[in-house]
Amino acid sequence: GATGDLARRKLLPGLLHLERAGQLADCRIVGTSLEERS
């Protein structure tokens, strides 16, 4: 549900903050949903 409302409002900005806080070292994020996107 990576293109949905919760992801856009909370999850993706939250993950960016975790990056800023040094909590995503050696991590990758794979988004997936029913939408066609590159």
ModelCIF file with pLDDT and N, C-alpha, C, O atoms, coordinates in Angstrom:
data_MODEL
#
_entry.id   MODEL 
#
_entity.id                         1 
_entity.type                       polymer 
_entity.pdbx_number_of_molecules   1 
#
_entity_poly.entity_id                      1 
_entity_poly.type                           'polypeptide(L)' 
_entity_poly.nstd_linkage                   no 
_entity_poly.nstd_monomer                   no 
_entity_poly.pdbx_seq_one_letter_code       GATGDLARRKLLPGLLHLERAGQLADCRIVGTSLEERS 
_entity_poly.pdbx_seq_one_letter_code_can   GATGDLARRKLLPGLLHLERAGQLADCRIVGTSLEERS 
_entity_poly.pdbx_strand_id                 A 
#
loop_
_entity_poly_seq.entity_id 
_entity_poly_seq.num 
_entity_poly_seq.mon_id 
_entity_poly_seq.hetero 
1 1  GLY n 
1 2  ALA n 
1 3  THR n 
1 4  GLY n 
1 5  ASP n 
1 6  LEU n 
1 7  ALA n 
1 8  ARG n 
1 9  ARG n 
1 10 LYS n 
1 11 LEU n 
1 12 LEU n 
1 13 PRO n 
1 14 GLY n 
1 15 LEU n 
1 16 LEU n 
1 17 HIS n 
1 18 LEU n 
1 19 GLU n 
1 20 ARG n 
1 21 ALA n 
1 22 GLY n 
1 23 GLN n 
1 24 LEU n 
1 25 ALA n 
1 26 ASP n 
1 27 CYS n 
1 28 ARG n 
1 29 ILE n 
1 30 VAL n 
1 31 GLY n 
1 32 THR n 
1 33 SER n 
1 34 LEU n 
1 35 GLU n 
1 36 GLU n 
1 37 ARG n 
1 38 SER n 
#
_struct_asym.id          A 
_struct_asym.entity_id   1 
#
loop_
_ma_qa_metric.id 
_ma_qa_metric.mode 
_ma_qa_metric.name 
_ma_qa_metric.software_group_id 
_ma_qa_metric.type 
1 global pLDDT . pLDDT 
2 local  pLDDT . pLDDT 
#
_ma_qa_metric_global.metric_id      1 
_ma_qa_metric_global.metric_value   91.92 
_ma_qa_metric_global.model_id       1 
_ma_qa_metric_global.ordinal_id     1 
#
loop_
_ma_qa_metric_local.label_asym_id 
_ma_qa_metric_local.label_comp_id 
_ma_qa_metric_local.label_seq_id 
_ma_qa_metric_local.metric_id 
_ma_qa_metric_local.metric_value 
_ma_qa_metric_local.model_id 
_ma_qa_metric_local.ordinal_id 
A GLY 1  2 94.00 1 1  
A ALA 2  2 95.00 1 2  
A THR 3  2 94.00 1 3  
A GLY 4  2 91.00 1 4  
A ASP 5  2 91.00 1 5  
A LEU 6  2 92.00 1 6  
A ALA 7  2 94.00 1 7  
A ARG 8  2 94.00 1 8  
A ARG 9  2 92.00 1 9  
A LYS 10 2 93.00 1 10 
A LEU 11 2 95.00 1 11 
A LEU 12 2 96.00 1 12 
A PRO 13 2 94.00 1 13 
A GLY 14 2 93.00 1 14 
A LEU 15 2 95.00 1 15 
A LEU 16 2 93.00 1 16 
A HIS 17 2 91.00 1 17 
A LEU 18 2 92.00 1 18 
A GLU 19 2 91.00 1 19 
A ARG 20 2 88.00 1 20 
A ALA 21 2 87.00 1 21 
A GLY 22 2 87.00 1 22 
A GLN 23 2 89.00 1 23 
A LEU 24 2 88.00 1 24 
A ALA 25 2 82.00 1 25 
A ASP 26 2 88.00 1 26 
A CYS 27 2 94.00 1 27 
A ARG 28 2 96.00 1 28 
A ILE 29 2 96.00 1 29 
A VAL 30 2 96.00 1 30 
A GLY 31 2 96.00 1 31 
A THR 32 2 94.00 1 32 
A SER 33 2 91.00 1 33 
A LEU 34 2 89.00 1 34 
A GLU 35 2 89.00 1 35 
A GLU 36 2 89.00 1 36 
A ARG 37 2 91.00 1 37 
A SER 38 2 93.00 1 38 
#
loop_
_atom_site.group_PDB 
_atom_site.id 
_atom_site.type_symbol 
_atom_site.label_atom_id 
_atom_site.label_alt_id 
_atom_site.label_comp_id 
_atom_site.label_asym_id 
_atom_site.label_entity_id 
_atom_site.label_seq_id 
_atom_site.pdbx_PDB_ins_code 
_atom_site.Cartn_x 
_atom_site.Cartn_y 
_atom_site.Cartn_z 
_atom_site.occupancy 
_atom_site.B_iso_or_equiv 
_atom_site.pdbx_formal_charge 
_atom_site.auth_seq_id 
_atom_site.auth_comp_id 
_atom_site.auth_asym_id 
_atom_site.auth_atom_id 
_atom_site.pdbx_PDB_model_num 
ATOM 1   N N  . GLY A 1 1  ? 0.825  -1.204 0.000   1.00 94.00 ? 1  GLY A N  1 
ATOM 2   C CA . GLY A 1 1  ? 0.000  0.000  0.000   1.00 94.00 ? 1  GLY A CA 1 
ATOM 3   C C  . GLY A 1 1  ? 0.851  1.243  0.000   1.00 94.00 ? 1  GLY A C  1 
ATOM 4   O O  . GLY A 1 1  ? 0.496  2.248  0.616   1.00 94.00 ? 1  GLY A O  1 
ATOM 5   N N  . ALA A 1 2  ? 1.988  1.180  -0.696  1.00 95.00 ? 2  ALA A N  1 
ATOM 6   C CA . ALA A 1 2  ? 2.987  2.248  -0.613  1.00 95.00 ? 2  ALA A CA 1 
ATOM 7   C C  . ALA A 1 2  ? 2.539  3.553  -1.239  1.00 95.00 ? 2  ALA A C  1 
ATOM 8   O O  . ALA A 1 2  ? 3.151  4.590  -0.983  1.00 95.00 ? 2  ALA A O  1 
ATOM 9   N N  . THR A 1 3  ? 1.488  3.540  -2.055  1.00 94.00 ? 3  THR A N  1 
ATOM 10  C CA . THR A 1 3  ? 1.005  4.783  -2.676  1.00 94.00 ? 3  THR A CA 1 
ATOM 11  C C  . THR A 1 3  ? -0.269 5.287  -2.012  1.00 94.00 ? 3  THR A C  1 
ATOM 12  O O  . THR A 1 3  ? -0.867 6.256  -2.479  1.00 94.00 ? 3  THR A O  1 
ATOM 13  N N  . GLY A 1 4  ? -0.689 4.642  -0.930  1.00 91.00 ? 4  GLY A N  1 
ATOM 14  C CA . GLY A 1 4  ? -1.931 5.012  -0.264  1.00 91.00 ? 4  GLY A CA 1 
ATOM 15  C C  . GLY A 1 4  ? -1.790 6.196  0.665   1.00 91.00 ? 4  GLY A C  1 
ATOM 16  O O  . GLY A 1 4  ? -0.701 6.742  0.838   1.00 91.00 ? 4  GLY A O  1 
ATOM 17  N N  . ASP A 1 5  ? -2.914 6.593  1.269   1.00 91.00 ? 5  ASP A N  1 
ATOM 18  C CA . ASP A 1 5  ? -2.961 7.794  2.099   1.00 91.00 ? 5  ASP A CA 1 
ATOM 19  C C  . ASP A 1 5  ? -2.108 7.660  3.351   1.00 91.00 ? 5  ASP A C  1 
ATOM 20  O O  . ASP A 1 5  ? -1.370 8.583  3.693   1.00 91.00 ? 5  ASP A O  1 
ATOM 21  N N  . LEU A 1 6  ? -2.196 6.522  4.043   1.00 92.00 ? 6  LEU A N  1 
ATOM 22  C CA . LEU A 1 6  ? -1.401 6.342  5.257   1.00 92.00 ? 6  LEU A CA 1 
ATOM 23  C C  . LEU A 1 6  ? 0.089  6.381  4.947   1.00 92.00 ? 6  LEU A C  1 
ATOM 24  O O  . LEU A 1 6  ? 0.865  6.995  5.679   1.00 92.00 ? 6  LEU A O  1 
ATOM 25  N N  . ALA A 1 7  ? 0.480  5.732  3.875   1.00 94.00 ? 7  ALA A N  1 
ATOM 26  C CA . ALA A 1 7  ? 1.898  5.736  3.503   1.00 94.00 ? 7  ALA A CA 1 
ATOM 27  C C  . ALA A 1 7  ? 2.388  7.154  3.222   1.00 94.00 ? 7  ALA A C  1 
ATOM 28  O O  . ALA A 1 7  ? 3.469  7.541  3.667   1.00 94.00 ? 7  ALA A O  1 
ATOM 29  N N  . ARG A 1 8  ? 1.594  7.924  2.487   1.00 94.00 ? 8  ARG A N  1 
ATOM 30  C CA . ARG A 1 8  ? 2.024  9.282  2.123   1.00 94.00 ? 8  ARG A CA 1 
ATOM 31  C C  . ARG A 1 8  ? 2.046  10.211 3.331   1.00 94.00 ? 8  ARG A C  1 
ATOM 32  O O  . ARG A 1 8  ? 2.950  11.035 3.464   1.00 94.00 ? 8  ARG A O  1 
ATOM 33  N N  . ARG A 1 9  ? 1.061  10.083 4.204   1.00 92.00 ? 9  ARG A N  1 
ATOM 34  C CA . ARG A 1 9  ? 0.949  11.025 5.325   1.00 92.00 ? 9  ARG A CA 1 
ATOM 35  C C  . ARG A 1 9  ? 1.857  10.674 6.502   1.00 92.00 ? 9  ARG A C  1 
ATOM 36  O O  . ARG A 1 9  ? 2.387  11.565 7.166   1.00 92.00 ? 9  ARG A O  1 
ATOM 37  N N  . LYS A 1 10 ? 2.036  9.387  6.758   1.00 93.00 ? 10 LYS A N  1 
ATOM 38  C CA . LYS A 1 10 ? 2.735  8.986  7.972   1.00 93.00 ? 10 LYS A CA 1 
ATOM 39  C C  . LYS A 1 10 ? 3.974  8.123  7.734   1.00 93.00 ? 10 LYS A C  1 
ATOM 40  O O  . LYS A 1 10 ? 5.042  8.399  8.280   1.00 93.00 ? 10 LYS A O  1 
ATOM 41  N N  . LEU A 1 11 ? 3.827  7.081  6.918   1.00 95.00 ? 11 LEU A N  1 
ATOM 42  C CA . LEU A 1 11 ? 4.876  6.063  6.871   1.00 95.00 ? 11 LEU A CA 1 
ATOM 43  C C  . LEU A 1 11 ? 6.116  6.537  6.122   1.00 95.00 ? 11 LEU A C  1 
ATOM 44  O O  . LEU A 1 11 ? 7.231  6.400  6.625   1.00 95.00 ? 11 LEU A O  1 
ATOM 45  N N  . LEU A 1 12 ? 5.933  7.091  4.928   1.00 96.00 ? 12 LEU A N  1 
ATOM 46  C CA . LEU A 1 12 ? 7.100  7.548  4.172   1.00 96.00 ? 12 LEU A CA 1 
ATOM 47  C C  . LEU A 1 12 ? 7.803  8.721  4.854   1.00 96.00 ? 12 LEU A C  1 
ATOM 48  O O  . LEU A 1 12 ? 9.029  8.697  4.968   1.00 96.00 ? 12 LEU A O  1 
ATOM 49  N N  . PRO A 1 13 ? 7.064  9.771  5.322   1.00 94.00 ? 13 PRO A N  1 
ATOM 50  C CA . PRO A 1 13 ? 7.756  10.813 6.090   1.00 94.00 ? 13 PRO A CA 1 
ATOM 51  C C  . PRO A 1 13 ? 8.405  10.275 7.362   1.00 94.00 ? 13 PRO A C  1 
ATOM 52  O O  . PRO A 1 13 ? 9.473  10.736 7.764   1.00 94.00 ? 13 PRO A O  1 
ATOM 53  N N  . GLY A 1 14 ? 7.747  9.287  7.997   1.00 93.00 ? 14 GLY A N  1 
ATOM 54  C CA . GLY A 1 14 ? 8.322  8.695  9.202   1.00 93.00 ? 14 GLY A CA 1 
ATOM 55  C C  . GLY A 1 14 ? 9.619  7.955  8.916   1.00 93.00 ? 14 GLY A C  1 
ATOM 56  O O  . GLY A 1 14 ? 10.574 8.042  9.687   1.00 93.00 ? 14 GLY A O  1 
ATOM 57  N N  . LEU A 1 15 ? 9.648  7.234  7.816   1.00 95.00 ? 15 LEU A N  1 
ATOM 58  C CA . LEU A 1 15 ? 10.880 6.534  7.441   1.00 95.00 ? 15 LEU A CA 1 
ATOM 59  C C  . LEU A 1 15 ? 11.999 7.520  7.110   1.00 95.00 ? 15 LEU A C  1 
ATOM 60  O O  . LEU A 1 15 ? 13.166 7.271  7.413   1.00 95.00 ? 15 LEU A O  1 
ATOM 61  N N  . LEU A 1 16 ? 11.636 8.632  6.490   1.00 93.00 ? 16 LEU A N  1 
ATOM 62  C CA . LEU A 1 16 ? 12.642 9.657  6.220   1.00 93.00 ? 16 LEU A CA 1 
ATOM 63  C C  . LEU A 1 16 ? 13.205 10.218 7.520   1.00 93.00 ? 16 LEU A C  1 
ATOM 64  O O  . LEU A 1 16 ? 14.404 10.481 7.616   1.00 93.00 ? 16 LEU A O  1 
ATOM 65  N N  . HIS A 1 17 ? 12.358 10.399 8.508   1.00 91.00 ? 17 HIS A N  1 
ATOM 66  C CA . HIS A 1 17 ? 12.852 10.885 9.803   1.00 91.00 ? 17 HIS A CA 1 
ATOM 67  C C  . HIS A 1 17 ? 13.768 9.849  10.450  1.00 91.00 ? 17 HIS A C  1 
ATOM 68  O O  . HIS A 1 17 ? 14.773 10.206 11.065  1.00 91.00 ? 17 HIS A O  1 
ATOM 69  N N  . LEU A 1 18 ? 13.425 8.569  10.313  1.00 92.00 ? 18 LEU A N  1 
ATOM 70  C CA . LEU A 1 18 ? 14.312 7.530  10.848  1.00 92.00 ? 18 LEU A CA 1 
ATOM 71  C C  . LEU A 1 18 ? 15.669 7.566  10.152  1.00 92.00 ? 18 LEU A C  1 
ATOM 72  O O  . LEU A 1 18 ? 16.697 7.313  10.781  1.00 92.00 ? 18 LEU A O  1 
ATOM 73  N N  . GLU A 1 19 ? 15.675 7.876  8.869   1.00 91.00 ? 19 GLU A N  1 
ATOM 74  C CA . GLU A 1 19 ? 16.945 8.051  8.155   1.00 91.00 ? 19 GLU A CA 1 
ATOM 75  C C  . GLU A 1 19 ? 17.740 9.190  8.772   1.00 91.00 ? 19 GLU A C  1 
ATOM 76  O O  . GLU A 1 19 ? 18.940 9.066  9.021   1.00 91.00 ? 19 GLU A O  1 
ATOM 77  N N  . ARG A 1 20 ? 17.058 10.297 9.015   1.00 88.00 ? 20 ARG A N  1 
ATOM 78  C CA . ARG A 1 20 ? 17.724 11.461 9.613   1.00 88.00 ? 20 ARG A CA 1 
ATOM 79  C C  . ARG A 1 20 ? 18.256 11.134 11.002  1.00 88.00 ? 20 ARG A C  1 
ATOM 80  O O  . ARG A 1 20 ? 19.293 11.653 11.415  1.00 88.00 ? 20 ARG A O  1 
ATOM 81  N N  . ALA A 1 21 ? 17.540 10.268 11.723  1.00 87.00 ? 21 ALA A N  1 
ATOM 82  C CA . ALA A 1 21 ? 17.935 9.895  13.083  1.00 87.00 ? 21 ALA A CA 1 
ATOM 83  C C  . ALA A 1 21 ? 18.994 8.803  13.101  1.00 87.00 ? 21 ALA A C  1 
ATOM 84  O O  . ALA A 1 21 ? 19.413 8.367  14.173  1.00 87.00 ? 21 ALA A O  1 
ATOM 85  N N  . GLY A 1 22 ? 19.432 8.354  11.928  1.00 87.00 ? 22 GLY A N  1 
ATOM 86  C CA . GLY A 1 22 ? 20.473 7.340  11.862  1.00 87.00 ? 22 GLY A CA 1 
ATOM 87  C C  . GLY A 1 22 ? 19.975 5.935  12.123  1.00 87.00 ? 22 GLY A C  1 
ATOM 88  O O  . GLY A 1 22 ? 20.741 5.067  12.542  1.00 87.00 ? 22 GLY A O  1 
ATOM 89  N N  . GLN A 1 23 ? 18.675 5.704  11.875  1.00 89.00 ? 23 GLN A N  1 
ATOM 90  C CA . GLN A 1 23 ? 18.083 4.409  12.190  1.00 89.00 ? 23 GLN A CA 1 
ATOM 91  C C  . GLN A 1 23 ? 17.855 3.515  10.970  1.00 89.00 ? 23 GLN A C  1 
ATOM 92  O O  . GLN A 1 23 ? 17.292 2.429  11.110  1.00 89.00 ? 23 GLN A O  1 
ATOM 93  N N  . LEU A 1 24 ? 18.270 3.937  9.799   1.00 88.00 ? 24 LEU A N  1 
ATOM 94  C CA . LEU A 1 24 ? 18.042 3.125  8.602   1.00 88.00 ? 24 LEU A CA 1 
ATOM 95  C C  . LEU A 1 24 ? 19.347 2.724  7.913   1.00 88.00 ? 24 LEU A C  1 
ATOM 96  O O  . LEU A 1 24 ? 19.358 2.433  6.717   1.00 88.00 ? 24 LEU A O  1 
ATOM 97  N N  . ALA A 1 25 ? 20.428 2.711  8.661   1.00 82.00 ? 25 ALA A N  1 
ATOM 98  C CA . ALA A 1 25 ? 21.684 2.268  8.072   1.00 82.00 ? 25 ALA A CA 1 
ATOM 99  C C  . ALA A 1 25 ? 21.548 0.826  7.599   1.00 82.00 ? 25 ALA A C  1 
ATOM 100 O O  . ALA A 1 25 ? 20.982 -0.013 8.300   1.00 82.00 ? 25 ALA A O  1 
ATOM 101 N N  . ASP A 1 26 ? 22.069 0.542  6.406   1.00 88.00 ? 26 ASP A N  1 
ATOM 102 C CA . ASP A 1 26 ? 21.998 -0.804 5.821   1.00 88.00 ? 26 ASP A CA 1 
ATOM 103 C C  . ASP A 1 26 ? 20.565 -1.288 5.681   1.00 88.00 ? 26 ASP A C  1 
ATOM 104 O O  . ASP A 1 26 ? 20.280 -2.461 5.921   1.00 88.00 ? 26 ASP A O  1 
ATOM 105 N N  . CYS A 1 27 ? 19.661 -0.396 5.295   1.00 94.00 ? 27 CYS A N  1 
ATOM 106 C CA . CYS A 1 27 ? 18.261 -0.752 5.072   1.00 94.00 ? 27 CYS A CA 1 
ATOM 107 C C  . CYS A 1 27 ? 17.860 -0.395 3.643   1.00 94.00 ? 27 CYS A C  1 
ATOM 108 O O  . CYS A 1 27 ? 18.420 0.518  3.036   1.00 94.00 ? 27 CYS A O  1 
ATOM 109 N N  . ARG A 1 28 ? 16.891 -1.123 3.122   1.00 96.00 ? 28 ARG A N  1 
ATOM 110 C CA . ARG A 1 28 ? 16.290 -0.829 1.834   1.00 96.00 ? 28 ARG A CA 1 
ATOM 111 C C  . ARG A 1 28 ? 14.771 -0.852 2.008   1.00 96.00 ? 28 ARG A C  1 
ATOM 112 O O  . ARG A 1 28 ? 14.247 -1.576 2.854   1.00 96.00 ? 28 ARG A O  1 
ATOM 113 N N  . ILE A 1 29 ? 14.073 -0.057 1.202   1.00 96.00 ? 29 ILE A N  1 
ATOM 114 C CA . ILE A 1 29 ? 12.618 0.042  1.279   1.00 96.00 ? 29 ILE A CA 1 
ATOM 115 C C  . ILE A 1 29 ? 12.040 -0.309 -0.080  1.00 96.00 ? 29 ILE A C  1 
ATOM 116 O O  . ILE A 1 29 ? 12.314 0.365  -1.073  1.00 96.00 ? 29 ILE A O  1 
ATOM 117 N N  . VAL A 1 30 ? 11.249 -1.351 -0.122  1.00 96.00 ? 30 VAL A N  1 
ATOM 118 C CA . VAL A 1 30 ? 10.588 -1.777 -1.349  1.00 96.00 ? 30 VAL A CA 1 
ATOM 119 C C  . VAL A 1 30 ? 9.115  -1.417 -1.247  1.00 96.00 ? 30 VAL A C  1 
ATOM 120 O O  . VAL A 1 30 ? 8.380  -2.006 -0.455  1.00 96.00 ? 30 VAL A O  1 
ATOM 121 N N  . GLY A 1 31 ? 8.688  -0.454 -2.045  1.00 96.00 ? 31 GLY A N  1 
ATOM 122 C CA . GLY A 1 31 ? 7.283  -0.091 -2.073  1.00 96.00 ? 31 GLY A CA 1 
ATOM 123 C C  . GLY A 1 31 ? 6.534  -0.969 -3.054  1.00 96.00 ? 31 GLY A C  1 
ATOM 124 O O  . GLY A 1 31 ? 7.063  -1.334 -4.104  1.00 96.00 ? 31 GLY A O  1 
ATOM 125 N N  . THR A 1 32 ? 5.295  -1.310 -2.708  1.00 94.00 ? 32 THR A N  1 
ATOM 126 C CA . THR A 1 32 ? 4.488  -2.104 -3.621  1.00 94.00 ? 32 THR A CA 1 
ATOM 127 C C  . THR A 1 32 ? 3.014  -1.786 -3.426  1.00 94.00 ? 32 THR A C  1 
ATOM 128 O O  . THR A 1 32 ? 2.568  -1.520 -2.310  1.00 94.00 ? 32 THR A O  1 
ATOM 129 N N  . SER A 1 33 ? 2.268  -1.816 -4.511  1.00 91.00 ? 33 SER A N  1 
ATOM 130 C CA . SER A 1 33 ? 0.825  -1.605 -4.476  1.00 91.00 ? 33 SER A CA 1 
ATOM 131 C C  . SER A 1 33 ? 0.251  -2.102 -5.795  1.00 91.00 ? 33 SER A C  1 
ATOM 132 O O  . SER A 1 33 ? 0.977  -2.634 -6.636  1.00 91.00 ? 33 SER A O  1 
ATOM 133 N N  . LEU A 1 34 ? -1.036 -1.929 -5.969  1.00 89.00 ? 34 LEU A N  1 
ATOM 134 C CA . LEU A 1 34 ? -1.683 -2.353 -7.211  1.00 89.00 ? 34 LEU A CA 1 
ATOM 135 C C  . LEU A 1 34 ? -1.473 -1.350 -8.337  1.00 89.00 ? 34 LEU A C  1 
ATOM 136 O O  . LEU A 1 34 ? -1.778 -1.646 -9.493  1.00 89.00 ? 34 LEU A O  1 
ATOM 137 N N  . GLU A 1 35 ? -0.956 -0.168 -8.016  1.00 89.00 ? 35 GLU A N  1 
ATOM 138 C CA . GLU A 1 35 ? -0.735 0.856  -9.032  1.00 89.00 ? 35 GLU A CA 1 
ATOM 139 C C  . GLU A 1 35 ? 0.509  0.562  -9.854  1.00 89.00 ? 35 GLU A C  1 
ATOM 140 O O  . GLU A 1 35 ? 1.507  0.045  -9.353  1.00 89.00 ? 35 GLU A O  1 
ATOM 141 N N  . GLU A 1 36 ? 0.417  0.911  -11.141 1.00 89.00 ? 36 GLU A N  1 
ATOM 142 C CA . GLU A 1 36 ? 1.573  0.807  -12.039 1.00 89.00 ? 36 GLU A CA 1 
ATOM 143 C C  . GLU A 1 36 ? 2.455  2.041  -11.848 1.00 89.00 ? 36 GLU A C  1 
ATOM 144 O O  . GLU A 1 36 ? 2.035  3.157  -12.154 1.00 89.00 ? 36 GLU A O  1 
ATOM 145 N N  . ARG A 1 37 ? 3.660  1.848  -11.351 1.00 91.00 ? 37 ARG A N  1 
ATOM 146 C CA . ARG A 1 37 ? 4.614  2.940  -11.197 1.00 91.00 ? 37 ARG A CA 1 
ATOM 147 C C  . ARG A 1 37 ? 6.020  2.398  -11.401 1.00 91.00 ? 37 ARG A C  1 
ATOM 148 O O  . ARG A 1 37 ? 6.283  1.214  -11.189 1.00 91.00 ? 37 ARG A O  1 
ATOM 149 N N  . SER A 1 38 ? 6.893  3.261  -11.806 1.00 93.00 ? 38 SER A N  1 
ATOM 150 C CA . SER A 1 38 ? 8.314  2.922  -11.848 1.00 93.00 ? 38 SER A CA 1 
ATOM 151 C C  . SER A 1 38 ? 8.956  3.342  -10.534 1.00 93.00 ? 38 SER A C  1 
ATOM 152 O O  . SER A 1 38 ? 10.158 3.152  -10.345 1.00 93.00 ? 38 SER A O  1 
#
